[in-house]
């Protein structure tokens, strides 16, 4: 079925074997792919260089909706994102944000705490001098995508939208990274089975974690599976007194670290929230097997239990403050046998060990004071309670994946979004990183066009890779370290020390505004920290 506007192409029957080659062909019509097309067209439209008018195509394996569905029911979709101010700025630049805004919920505050101790960090947007004090907004995937297509349709931009089609093969005419030329892609219509070969100067892979463009271009990846799944559901929430939350007073994002992984509660409009519970695979399967009523109980138990621990100023009593030190050192300090034997070496070892144990207690006392001061300044706030689970819960596996190259060494192919990198969802930065890729690639291509360079050459695409590869990897590694640190729980001296270090570190950050601001910028995906 052909879409209403003539500049959109809905199937391969509109193509001919003698058609003009594409300058840019994007595979993947989700949020990242469609936003990249809109971003590039917007930049081209304001350029005064007439030579920059060129042909762009967008391939989507399904059908797209060009009109956001503001339904009579306020029930949010299951798939939502936490958009950073930088991502919102991009969507505003391409004229999509005005359609997204009515179906979005701001969050002004963020509280992160752990279940096994008093560690807590509170972030407030007003302290970071952000617009309207917003750390970000929670938005639906479907609304973002439809709004971007609506912006494309009403903008007057010309491009080919090839729906219900996918790439089945890629053929290179020339493997010289610095040569001009084209790459050929064979497309197959998923409905009719018909095929067509098209040429393009640049093929952009925006087709997700299992990118076919990446595979057909023989770009390897590295990473690992977390052995976790994220359980996602839409819920109705109340405050601690059982009063339903409105959009005006549901403006805090909550994340609690449990032994099996983080449990996040993200605010939505009209008393709704979204839960993202990262946990072990067996536990995820168990949670999915529960009824909605049983799942609500499980969420409340996990989110509400041990809240009293967060009002303790210490993880340790006066008697066991020295337990932060190794057991052999404590044993030596308590052993008076060698000390009374007249052996001077043994005596000095005993005195030294006793002194170190005493020093450990002093350190513990100082840490307690810092924790107490932090909690008094910025105490833990009680999270909402789940009144009911409104949607069916679903889960997806979690992984850390990075493409070895964002730009194919032979040129002509470049990756953006999840096709290039996959991150743990606990920081909510997957889409934000993808939209930063969009901004970067747009800028690199515009610079290349204005300089009269080949936009598909490796030398051009390498500039994008150099800009984004290490920035993305830095965010991914930071999130992975946090996940590993908080997953190390249980009994024993090592776990006890890590618990102490975590709580001390969190409360130390909570009491230092400069450190907290840096962490908050990291948490909301700010490109500049």
Protein backbone atom coordinates (compact mmCIF):
# COMPACT_ATOMS: atom_id res chain seq x y z
CA UNK A 1 0.00 0.00 0.00
CA UNK A 2 1.42 3.37 -1.05
CA UNK A 3 1.43 6.10 1.54
CA UNK A 4 -0.56 9.25 0.90
CA UNK A 5 2.35 11.55 0.24
CA UNK A 6 3.98 10.97 -3.13
CA UNK A 7 7.53 11.53 -1.95
CA UNK A 8 7.31 8.34 0.13
CA UNK A 9 7.81 4.99 -1.59
CA UNK A 10 6.10 2.07 0.09
CA UNK A 11 7.31 -0.90 -1.92
CA UNK A 12 9.87 -2.01 -4.44
CA UNK A 13 7.54 -1.82 -7.42
CA UNK A 14 8.28 1.90 -7.54
CA UNK A 15 11.94 1.19 -8.19
CA UNK A 16 13.51 0.58 -11.60
CA UNK A 17 16.78 -1.03 -12.53
CA UNK A 18 17.97 2.26 -14.03
CA UNK A 19 17.07 4.41 -11.06
CA UNK A 20 19.45 7.04 -9.76
CA UNK A 21 21.75 5.61 -7.07
CA UNK A 22 21.24 6.75 -3.49
CA UNK A 23 23.71 9.00 -1.78
CA UNK A 24 22.65 7.68 1.64
CA UNK A 25 20.61 4.52 2.24
CA UNK A 26 19.58 3.82 5.83
CA UNK A 27 18.60 0.32 6.95
CA UNK A 28 16.33 0.38 10.00
CA UNK A 29 13.31 2.64 10.40
CA UNK A 30 13.15 2.70 14.19
CA UNK A 31 13.78 5.79 16.31
CA UNK A 32 17.51 6.02 15.57
CA UNK A 33 17.28 5.37 11.81
CA UNK A 34 14.33 7.68 11.17
CA UNK A 35 15.81 10.42 13.37
CA UNK A 36 19.09 10.23 11.44
CA UNK A 37 17.23 10.72 8.15
CA UNK A 38 15.32 13.68 9.60
CA UNK A 39 18.49 15.16 11.11
CA UNK A 40 20.44 14.95 7.85
CA UNK A 41 17.56 16.33 5.76
CA UNK A 42 17.07 19.19 8.22
CA UNK A 43 20.73 20.15 7.98
CA UNK A 44 20.66 19.88 4.19
CA UNK A 45 17.56 22.06 3.99
CA UNK A 46 19.23 24.99 5.75
CA UNK A 47 22.42 24.71 3.71
CA UNK A 48 22.83 27.28 0.97
CA UNK A 49 25.00 24.95 -1.08
CA UNK A 50 22.83 23.75 -3.99
CA UNK A 51 25.26 20.87 -4.60
CA UNK A 52 24.14 19.29 -1.33
CA UNK A 53 20.73 18.21 -2.62
CA UNK A 54 20.98 14.46 -2.91
CA UNK A 55 18.98 11.27 -2.70
CA UNK A 56 18.22 9.50 0.59
CA UNK A 57 16.42 6.19 1.15
CA UNK A 58 15.12 4.57 4.33
CA UNK A 59 14.42 0.83 4.53
CA UNK A 60 12.01 -0.49 7.17
CA UNK A 61 11.19 -4.19 7.54
CA UNK A 62 7.67 -3.44 8.78
CA UNK A 63 5.08 -0.75 8.15
CA UNK A 64 5.38 2.69 9.73
CA UNK A 65 2.79 4.96 11.26
CA UNK A 66 3.21 8.63 10.39
CA UNK A 67 0.67 9.92 12.90
CA UNK A 68 1.12 9.61 16.69
CA UNK A 69 -1.82 7.75 18.21
CA UNK A 70 -3.07 9.91 21.08
CA UNK A 71 -5.63 7.41 22.22
CA UNK A 72 -8.53 8.11 24.55
CA UNK A 73 -6.92 5.81 27.12
CA UNK A 74 -3.92 7.32 28.94
CA UNK A 75 -2.42 3.83 29.34
CA UNK A 76 1.23 4.14 28.24
CA UNK A 77 2.87 1.66 25.92
CA UNK A 78 5.08 -0.98 27.47
CA UNK A 79 8.28 0.17 25.74
CA UNK A 80 9.47 3.52 27.08
CA UNK A 81 12.73 5.46 27.13
CA UNK A 82 14.28 8.00 29.48
CA UNK A 83 15.25 10.80 27.09
CA UNK A 84 18.06 13.12 28.15
CA UNK A 85 17.91 16.90 27.59
CA UNK A 86 20.40 16.45 24.73
CA UNK A 87 18.14 13.90 23.00
CA UNK A 88 15.12 16.16 23.48
CA UNK A 89 17.06 19.01 21.88
CA UNK A 90 17.72 16.87 18.79
CA UNK A 91 14.08 15.83 18.50
CA UNK A 92 13.08 19.47 18.86
CA UNK A 93 15.50 20.45 16.07
CA UNK A 94 13.82 18.07 13.63
CA UNK A 95 10.34 19.32 14.66
CA UNK A 96 9.25 16.04 16.25
CA UNK A 97 9.23 17.06 19.90
CA UNK A 98 5.97 19.06 19.83
CA UNK A 99 4.11 15.81 19.00
CA UNK A 100 6.01 13.77 21.60
CA UNK A 101 5.67 16.25 24.46
CA UNK A 102 1.98 15.56 25.30
CA UNK A 103 2.79 11.87 25.79
CA UNK A 104 5.86 12.36 27.98
CA UNK A 105 6.49 12.64 31.70
CA UNK A 106 9.26 14.78 33.20
CA UNK A 107 11.37 13.58 36.08
CA UNK A 108 12.99 16.25 38.22
CA UNK A 109 14.55 13.95 40.80
CA UNK A 110 16.32 10.61 40.87
CA UNK A 111 17.02 8.44 43.89
CA UNK A 112 19.44 5.51 43.79
CA UNK A 113 19.93 3.31 46.83
CA UNK A 114 20.91 -0.23 47.80
CA UNK A 115 18.93 -2.84 49.62
CA UNK A 116 21.66 -4.08 51.94
CA UNK A 117 22.81 -0.86 53.59
CA UNK A 118 22.32 2.86 54.08
CA UNK A 119 23.87 3.90 50.75
CA UNK A 120 21.71 6.44 48.92
CA UNK A 121 22.24 9.21 46.36
CA UNK A 122 19.59 11.83 45.56
CA UNK A 123 19.79 13.91 42.38
CA UNK A 124 17.72 17.02 41.70
CA UNK A 125 17.45 18.74 38.36
CA UNK A 126 17.22 22.18 39.93
CA UNK A 127 20.73 21.76 41.35
CA UNK A 128 22.11 21.15 37.83
CA UNK A 129 20.60 24.30 36.31
CA UNK A 130 18.67 22.23 33.74
CA UNK A 131 15.70 23.56 31.77
CA UNK A 132 12.64 23.51 34.04
CA UNK A 133 14.75 21.52 36.49
CA UNK A 134 14.18 18.36 34.39
CA UNK A 135 16.70 15.55 34.43
CA UNK A 136 14.87 14.13 31.44
CA UNK A 137 11.51 12.83 30.21
CA UNK A 138 10.04 9.35 29.95
CA UNK A 139 8.53 8.77 26.49
CA UNK A 140 6.97 5.92 24.52
CA UNK A 141 8.86 4.28 21.69
CA UNK A 142 5.79 4.27 19.44
CA UNK A 143 5.07 7.97 20.02
CA UNK A 144 8.67 9.01 19.35
CA UNK A 145 8.82 6.98 16.15
CA UNK A 146 5.46 8.16 14.81
CA UNK A 147 6.28 11.77 15.65
CA UNK A 148 9.57 11.60 13.72
CA UNK A 149 7.76 10.22 10.66
CA UNK A 150 5.08 12.87 11.01
CA UNK A 151 7.80 15.54 11.06
CA UNK A 152 9.34 14.01 7.94
CA UNK A 153 6.00 13.92 6.14
CA UNK A 154 5.04 17.51 6.93
CA UNK A 155 8.48 19.01 6.40
CA UNK A 156 8.55 18.95 2.63
CA UNK A 157 11.73 16.84 2.61
CA UNK A 158 12.11 14.37 -0.21
CA UNK A 159 13.29 10.84 0.44
CA UNK A 160 12.27 7.27 -0.36
CA UNK A 161 10.64 5.23 2.38
CA UNK A 162 10.83 1.56 1.42
CA UNK A 163 8.54 -0.40 3.73
CA UNK A 164 8.13 -4.14 4.46
CA UNK A 165 11.56 -4.76 2.94
CA UNK A 166 14.93 -5.98 4.16
CA UNK A 167 18.49 -6.27 2.84
CA UNK A 168 19.51 -9.78 1.86
CA UNK A 169 22.99 -9.16 0.42
CA UNK A 170 25.63 -6.48 -0.06
CA UNK A 171 28.07 -6.33 -2.96
CA UNK A 172 31.08 -4.03 -3.17
CA UNK A 173 32.24 -2.67 -6.48
CA UNK A 174 35.58 -1.59 -5.08
CA UNK A 175 37.40 -2.54 -1.89
CA UNK A 176 39.75 0.44 -1.94
CA UNK A 177 38.85 2.41 1.23
CA UNK A 178 39.77 5.72 -0.42
CA UNK A 179 38.15 5.15 -3.81
CA UNK A 180 34.92 6.79 -4.95
CA UNK A 181 32.12 4.49 -5.96
CA UNK A 182 29.04 2.70 -4.72
CA UNK A 183 27.92 -0.32 -2.77
CA UNK A 184 25.04 -2.49 -4.04
CA UNK A 185 22.32 -3.84 -1.76
CA UNK A 186 19.73 -6.44 -2.70
CA UNK A 187 16.34 -5.75 -1.12
CA UNK A 188 13.53 -8.25 -0.66
CA UNK A 189 9.90 -7.32 -0.11
CA UNK A 190 8.67 -9.37 2.85
CA UNK A 191 5.09 -9.39 1.57
CA UNK A 192 5.49 -10.12 -2.15
CA UNK A 193 8.88 -11.81 -2.18
CA UNK A 194 10.08 -9.57 -5.02
CA UNK A 195 13.69 -8.42 -5.03
CA UNK A 196 15.53 -5.38 -6.31
CA UNK A 197 19.15 -4.24 -6.31
CA UNK A 198 19.92 -0.63 -5.49
CA UNK A 199 23.18 1.30 -5.27
CA UNK A 200 24.29 3.81 -2.67
CA UNK A 201 27.37 5.83 -1.83
CA UNK A 202 26.81 5.20 1.87
CA UNK A 203 24.87 2.45 3.68
CA UNK A 204 23.95 3.26 7.29
CA UNK A 205 23.15 0.32 9.58
CA UNK A 206 20.57 1.40 12.15
CA UNK A 207 18.94 -2.00 12.36
CA UNK A 208 19.48 -2.91 15.99
CA UNK A 209 21.47 -5.36 18.09
CA UNK A 210 21.20 -8.18 15.54
CA UNK A 211 22.10 -5.88 12.65
CA UNK A 212 21.99 -7.56 9.25
CA UNK A 213 24.06 -4.70 7.79
CA UNK A 214 26.80 -5.39 10.33
CA UNK A 215 26.74 -9.12 9.60
CA UNK A 216 26.71 -8.76 5.80
CA UNK A 217 29.59 -6.27 6.08
CA UNK A 218 31.61 -8.76 8.17
CA UNK A 219 32.08 -6.30 11.02
CA UNK A 220 32.84 -8.37 14.16
CA UNK A 221 31.61 -7.57 17.65
CA UNK A 222 32.96 -8.23 21.11
CA UNK A 223 31.25 -8.38 24.48
CA UNK A 224 29.40 -10.80 26.71
CA UNK A 225 26.02 -11.85 28.02
CA UNK A 226 25.15 -10.70 31.53
CA UNK A 227 23.22 -13.84 32.37
CA UNK A 228 20.37 -11.51 33.29
CA UNK A 229 17.02 -10.51 31.85
CA UNK A 230 15.09 -7.28 32.28
CA UNK A 231 11.46 -7.75 33.27
CA UNK A 232 9.34 -4.83 32.08
CA UNK A 233 5.74 -3.91 32.98
CA UNK A 234 3.46 -0.89 33.29
CA UNK A 235 2.02 -0.36 36.76
CA UNK A 236 -0.27 1.99 38.69
CA UNK A 237 1.33 3.60 41.75
CA UNK A 238 0.32 5.36 44.96
CA UNK A 239 2.24 7.20 47.64
CA UNK A 240 3.03 5.57 50.98
CA UNK A 241 -0.41 6.57 52.28
CA UNK A 242 -2.19 4.86 49.39
CA UNK A 243 -3.16 8.04 47.52
CA UNK A 244 -2.90 7.73 43.73
CA UNK A 245 -0.10 9.80 42.20
CA UNK A 246 -0.88 12.39 39.55
CA UNK A 247 1.45 13.59 36.78
CA UNK A 248 2.38 16.59 38.93
CA UNK A 249 3.63 14.59 41.91
CA UNK A 250 5.07 11.55 40.10
CA UNK A 251 8.31 13.17 39.00
CA UNK A 252 11.02 11.02 40.60
CA UNK A 253 12.88 8.13 38.96
CA UNK A 254 13.71 5.42 41.49
CA UNK A 255 16.36 2.70 41.28
CA UNK A 256 17.14 0.20 44.01
CA UNK A 257 20.06 -2.21 43.81
CA UNK A 258 19.13 -5.72 44.88
CA UNK A 259 21.40 -8.75 45.12
CA UNK A 260 20.30 -9.99 41.69
CA UNK A 261 20.33 -6.59 39.96
CA UNK A 262 18.68 -3.15 39.91
CA UNK A 263 14.93 -2.53 40.09
CA UNK A 264 13.88 0.75 38.48
CA UNK A 265 10.54 2.55 38.79
CA UNK A 266 10.16 5.24 36.11
CA UNK A 267 7.38 7.86 36.38
CA UNK A 268 4.70 8.16 33.73
CA UNK A 269 1.55 10.26 33.43
CA UNK A 270 -1.82 9.80 35.17
CA UNK A 271 -0.52 7.66 38.00
CA UNK A 272 1.28 5.14 35.81
CA UNK A 273 4.92 4.07 36.14
CA UNK A 274 7.15 1.64 34.30
CA UNK A 275 9.20 -1.00 36.07
CA UNK A 276 12.45 -2.37 34.69
CA UNK A 277 13.69 -5.21 36.89
CA UNK A 278 17.09 -6.61 35.91
CA UNK A 279 17.55 -9.98 37.51
CA UNK A 280 18.85 -13.51 36.97
CA UNK A 281 17.31 -15.59 34.18
CA UNK A 282 15.63 -18.11 36.56
CA UNK A 283 14.21 -15.27 38.66
CA UNK A 284 12.95 -13.47 35.54
CA UNK A 285 11.15 -16.63 34.42
CA UNK A 286 9.61 -16.96 37.87
CA UNK A 287 8.41 -13.35 37.85
CA UNK A 288 6.86 -13.80 34.40
CA UNK A 289 4.95 -16.85 35.61
CA UNK A 290 3.17 -14.85 38.33
CA UNK A 291 -0.28 -13.35 38.08
CA UNK A 292 -0.50 -9.56 37.91
CA UNK A 293 -1.60 -9.46 41.55
CA UNK A 294 1.31 -11.65 42.63
CA UNK A 295 3.79 -9.60 40.61
CA UNK A 296 2.57 -6.40 42.29
CA UNK A 297 3.28 -7.97 45.68
CA UNK A 298 6.76 -9.04 44.56
CA UNK A 299 7.61 -5.55 43.28
CA UNK A 300 6.43 -3.90 46.50
CA UNK A 301 8.33 -6.39 48.65
CA UNK A 302 11.55 -5.82 46.70
CA UNK A 303 11.19 -2.04 46.54
CA UNK A 304 9.96 -1.43 50.09
CA UNK A 305 11.88 -3.95 52.20
CA UNK A 306 14.86 -2.90 54.34
CA UNK A 307 14.05 0.80 53.95
CA UNK A 308 14.82 1.15 57.65
CA UNK A 309 18.42 0.16 56.91
CA UNK A 310 18.84 3.41 55.04
CA UNK A 311 18.31 5.36 58.25
CA UNK A 312 21.25 3.61 59.95
CA UNK A 313 24.36 5.73 60.09
CA UNK A 314 26.60 2.67 60.16
CA UNK A 315 26.81 -0.79 58.73
CA UNK A 316 28.91 -1.89 61.70
CA UNK A 317 28.61 -1.79 65.48
CA UNK A 318 31.35 -0.50 67.75
CA UNK A 319 32.29 -4.09 68.56
CA UNK A 320 32.82 -5.19 64.98
CA UNK A 321 34.21 -2.01 63.42
CA UNK A 322 37.55 -3.74 63.10
CA UNK A 323 36.01 -6.42 60.86
CA UNK A 324 36.84 -4.29 57.86
CA UNK A 325 40.40 -5.51 58.46
CA UNK A 326 41.65 -9.00 57.49
CA UNK A 327 40.90 -11.82 59.94
CA UNK A 328 44.60 -12.70 60.39
CA UNK A 329 45.33 -9.15 61.55
CA UNK A 330 42.48 -9.20 64.07
CA UNK A 331 43.68 -12.58 65.35
CA UNK A 332 47.22 -11.27 65.83
CA UNK A 333 45.94 -8.25 67.72
CA UNK A 334 43.91 -10.43 70.10
CA UNK A 335 46.66 -13.00 70.61
CA UNK A 336 48.59 -12.14 73.78
CA UNK A 337 50.57 -15.38 73.91
CA UNK A 338 53.55 -14.17 71.90
CA UNK A 339 53.36 -10.72 73.46
CA UNK A 340 53.90 -12.07 77.02
CA UNK A 341 56.61 -14.55 76.06
CA UNK A 342 59.38 -11.97 76.10
CA UNK A 343 59.96 -12.28 72.36
CA UNK A 344 60.46 -8.67 71.29
CA UNK A 345 59.61 -9.35 67.62
CA UNK A 346 56.33 -11.02 68.59
CA UNK A 347 55.59 -8.21 71.00
CA UNK A 348 56.06 -5.54 68.35
CA UNK A 349 53.91 -7.48 65.88
CA UNK A 350 51.15 -7.63 68.48
CA UNK A 351 51.44 -3.90 69.24
CA UNK A 352 51.43 -3.00 65.53
CA UNK A 353 48.40 -5.19 64.82
CA UNK A 354 46.54 -3.75 67.81
CA UNK A 355 47.31 -0.25 66.58
CA UNK A 356 46.03 -1.04 63.09
CA UNK A 357 42.82 -2.51 64.51
CA UNK A 358 42.35 0.62 66.59
CA UNK A 359 42.99 2.71 63.49
CA UNK A 360 40.34 0.64 61.65
CA UNK A 361 37.81 1.54 64.35
CA UNK A 362 38.74 5.22 64.03
CA UNK A 363 38.24 5.05 60.26
CA UNK A 364 34.90 3.38 60.84
CA UNK A 365 33.92 6.16 63.24
CA UNK A 366 34.89 8.84 60.72
CA UNK A 367 32.98 7.04 57.97
CA UNK A 368 29.92 6.84 60.23
CA UNK A 369 30.11 10.60 60.79
CA UNK A 370 30.24 11.27 57.05
CA UNK A 371 27.32 8.90 56.45
CA UNK A 372 25.28 10.53 59.21
CA UNK A 373 25.94 14.03 57.89
CA UNK A 374 24.99 12.98 54.37
CA UNK A 375 21.75 11.33 55.45
CA UNK A 376 20.79 14.32 57.57
CA UNK A 377 21.44 16.66 54.64
CA UNK A 378 19.76 14.54 51.95
CA UNK A 379 17.85 11.65 53.53
CA UNK A 380 16.32 8.69 51.76
CA UNK A 381 12.81 9.27 50.44
CA UNK A 382 10.28 6.47 50.43
CA UNK A 383 9.39 5.24 46.93
CA UNK A 384 5.79 4.83 45.69
CA UNK A 385 3.89 1.60 46.15
CA UNK A 386 2.56 -0.42 43.27
CA UNK A 387 -1.22 -0.51 43.38
CA UNK A 388 -1.65 -2.81 40.38
CA UNK A 389 0.17 -4.23 37.37
CA UNK A 390 -1.67 -2.94 34.29
CA UNK A 391 0.17 -4.64 31.42
CA UNK A 392 1.47 -8.09 30.74
CA UNK A 393 5.08 -8.36 31.87
CA UNK A 394 7.73 -9.19 29.26
CA UNK A 395 11.47 -9.74 29.46
CA UNK A 396 14.52 -9.39 27.25
CA UNK A 397 18.11 -10.65 27.66
CA UNK A 398 20.85 -8.24 28.71
CA UNK A 399 24.22 -8.02 27.04
CA UNK A 400 27.30 -5.85 26.60
CA UNK A 401 28.16 -5.61 22.91
CA UNK A 402 30.44 -3.31 20.95
CA UNK A 403 31.17 -3.50 17.23
CA UNK A 404 34.89 -3.72 16.56
CA UNK A 405 34.44 -0.98 13.96
CA UNK A 406 31.65 1.57 13.56
CA UNK A 407 32.93 2.29 10.05
CA UNK A 408 33.72 -0.64 7.76
CA UNK A 409 37.46 -0.56 6.92
CA UNK A 410 36.55 -0.88 3.23
CA UNK A 411 34.31 2.19 3.50
CA UNK A 412 30.68 2.64 2.32
CA UNK A 413 29.14 1.17 5.52
CA UNK A 414 28.69 2.77 8.93
CA UNK A 415 26.82 1.69 12.08
CA UNK A 416 24.75 3.76 14.52
CA UNK A 417 22.67 2.98 17.61
CA UNK A 418 22.25 -0.59 18.82
CA UNK A 419 23.80 -1.88 15.61
CA UNK A 420 27.07 -0.41 16.92
CA UNK A 421 26.69 -0.90 20.68
CA UNK A 422 24.42 -2.48 23.29
CA UNK A 423 24.42 -1.34 26.92
CA UNK A 424 22.91 -2.57 30.20
CA UNK A 425 19.55 -0.80 30.72
CA UNK A 426 20.15 0.24 34.34
CA UNK A 427 21.23 3.77 33.37
CA UNK A 428 18.61 4.11 30.61
CA UNK A 429 21.20 5.35 28.11
CA UNK A 430 20.75 3.01 25.14
CA UNK A 431 18.63 5.34 23.00
CA UNK A 432 20.44 8.46 24.20
CA UNK A 433 23.76 7.03 23.00
CA UNK A 434 22.16 6.20 19.66
CA UNK A 435 20.86 9.75 19.24
CA UNK A 436 24.32 11.11 20.06
CA UNK A 437 25.56 8.87 17.23
CA UNK A 438 22.98 10.55 14.99
CA UNK A 439 24.24 14.03 15.88
CA UNK A 440 27.86 13.04 15.33
CA UNK A 441 27.35 11.28 11.99
CA UNK A 442 25.19 14.14 10.72
CA UNK A 443 27.92 16.63 11.57
CA UNK A 444 30.68 14.53 9.97
CA UNK A 445 28.72 14.05 6.74
CA UNK A 446 27.86 17.76 6.49
CA UNK A 447 31.51 18.69 6.97
CA UNK A 448 32.48 16.16 4.30
CA UNK A 449 29.87 17.44 1.84
CA UNK A 450 30.87 21.06 2.33
CA UNK A 451 34.51 20.13 1.75
CA UNK A 452 33.67 18.22 -1.43
CA UNK A 453 34.79 14.90 0.05
CA UNK A 454 33.42 11.41 -0.59
CA UNK A 455 30.85 10.79 2.16
CA UNK A 456 31.30 7.02 1.91
CA UNK A 457 35.07 6.90 2.14
CA UNK A 458 36.70 5.30 5.16
CA UNK A 459 38.64 8.50 5.86
CA UNK A 460 35.32 10.37 6.26
CA UNK A 461 33.53 7.70 8.29
CA UNK A 462 36.57 7.18 10.51
CA UNK A 463 36.04 10.68 11.93
CA UNK A 464 32.62 9.63 13.17
CA UNK A 465 34.04 6.41 14.65
CA UNK A 466 36.81 8.30 16.44
CA UNK A 467 34.27 10.70 17.93
CA UNK A 468 31.79 8.12 19.19
CA UNK A 469 33.61 4.81 19.78
CA UNK A 470 35.41 5.68 23.00
CA UNK A 471 32.64 7.90 24.35
CA UNK A 472 30.15 5.06 23.98
CA UNK A 473 32.59 2.54 25.40
CA UNK A 474 33.26 4.83 28.38
CA UNK A 475 29.56 5.00 29.23
CA UNK A 476 29.11 1.27 28.66
CA UNK A 477 32.10 0.41 30.87
CA UNK A 478 30.97 2.77 33.62
CA UNK A 479 27.53 1.18 33.70
CA UNK A 480 29.07 -2.31 33.66
CA UNK A 481 31.37 -1.49 36.60
CA UNK A 482 28.41 -0.20 38.61
CA UNK A 483 26.41 -3.31 37.78
CA UNK A 484 29.30 -5.57 38.84
CA UNK A 485 29.92 -3.65 42.06
CA UNK A 486 26.32 -3.83 43.21
CA UNK A 487 25.85 -7.42 42.12
CA UNK A 488 28.63 -8.52 44.49
CA UNK A 489 26.54 -9.29 47.55
CA UNK A 490 26.15 -12.10 50.04
CA UNK A 491 27.89 -13.19 53.21
CA UNK A 492 31.55 -13.15 54.11
CA UNK A 493 34.30 -10.61 54.79
CA UNK A 494 34.69 -9.48 51.15
CA UNK A 495 30.98 -8.83 50.73
CA UNK A 496 30.92 -6.99 54.07
CA UNK A 497 33.77 -4.72 53.00
CA UNK A 498 32.21 -4.06 49.58
CA UNK A 499 28.90 -3.25 51.27
CA UNK A 500 30.69 -0.76 53.50
CA UNK A 501 32.60 0.78 50.58
CA UNK A 502 29.43 1.07 48.47
CA UNK A 503 27.43 2.76 51.18
CA UNK A 504 30.31 5.03 52.19
CA UNK A 505 30.90 5.97 48.56
CA UNK A 506 27.23 6.64 47.82
CA UNK A 507 26.70 8.72 50.94
CA UNK A 508 29.97 10.54 50.33
CA UNK A 509 28.76 11.48 46.83
CA UNK A 510 25.37 12.38 48.27
CA UNK A 511 27.03 14.95 50.50
CA UNK A 512 29.33 16.48 47.85
CA UNK A 513 27.42 18.67 45.41
CA UNK A 514 30.20 18.84 42.80
CA UNK A 515 30.69 15.07 42.71
CA UNK A 516 26.94 14.54 42.66
CA UNK A 517 26.54 16.93 39.73
CA UNK A 518 29.18 15.03 37.72
CA UNK A 519 27.51 11.69 38.48
CA UNK A 520 24.09 13.12 37.62
CA UNK A 521 25.33 14.34 34.24
CA UNK A 522 26.67 10.84 33.62
CA UNK A 523 23.34 9.33 34.72
CA UNK A 524 21.28 11.50 32.36
CA UNK A 525 23.65 10.93 29.46
CA UNK A 526 25.19 14.38 29.22
CA UNK A 527 27.88 14.40 26.49
CA UNK A 528 29.97 16.78 28.58
CA UNK A 529 30.94 15.80 32.13
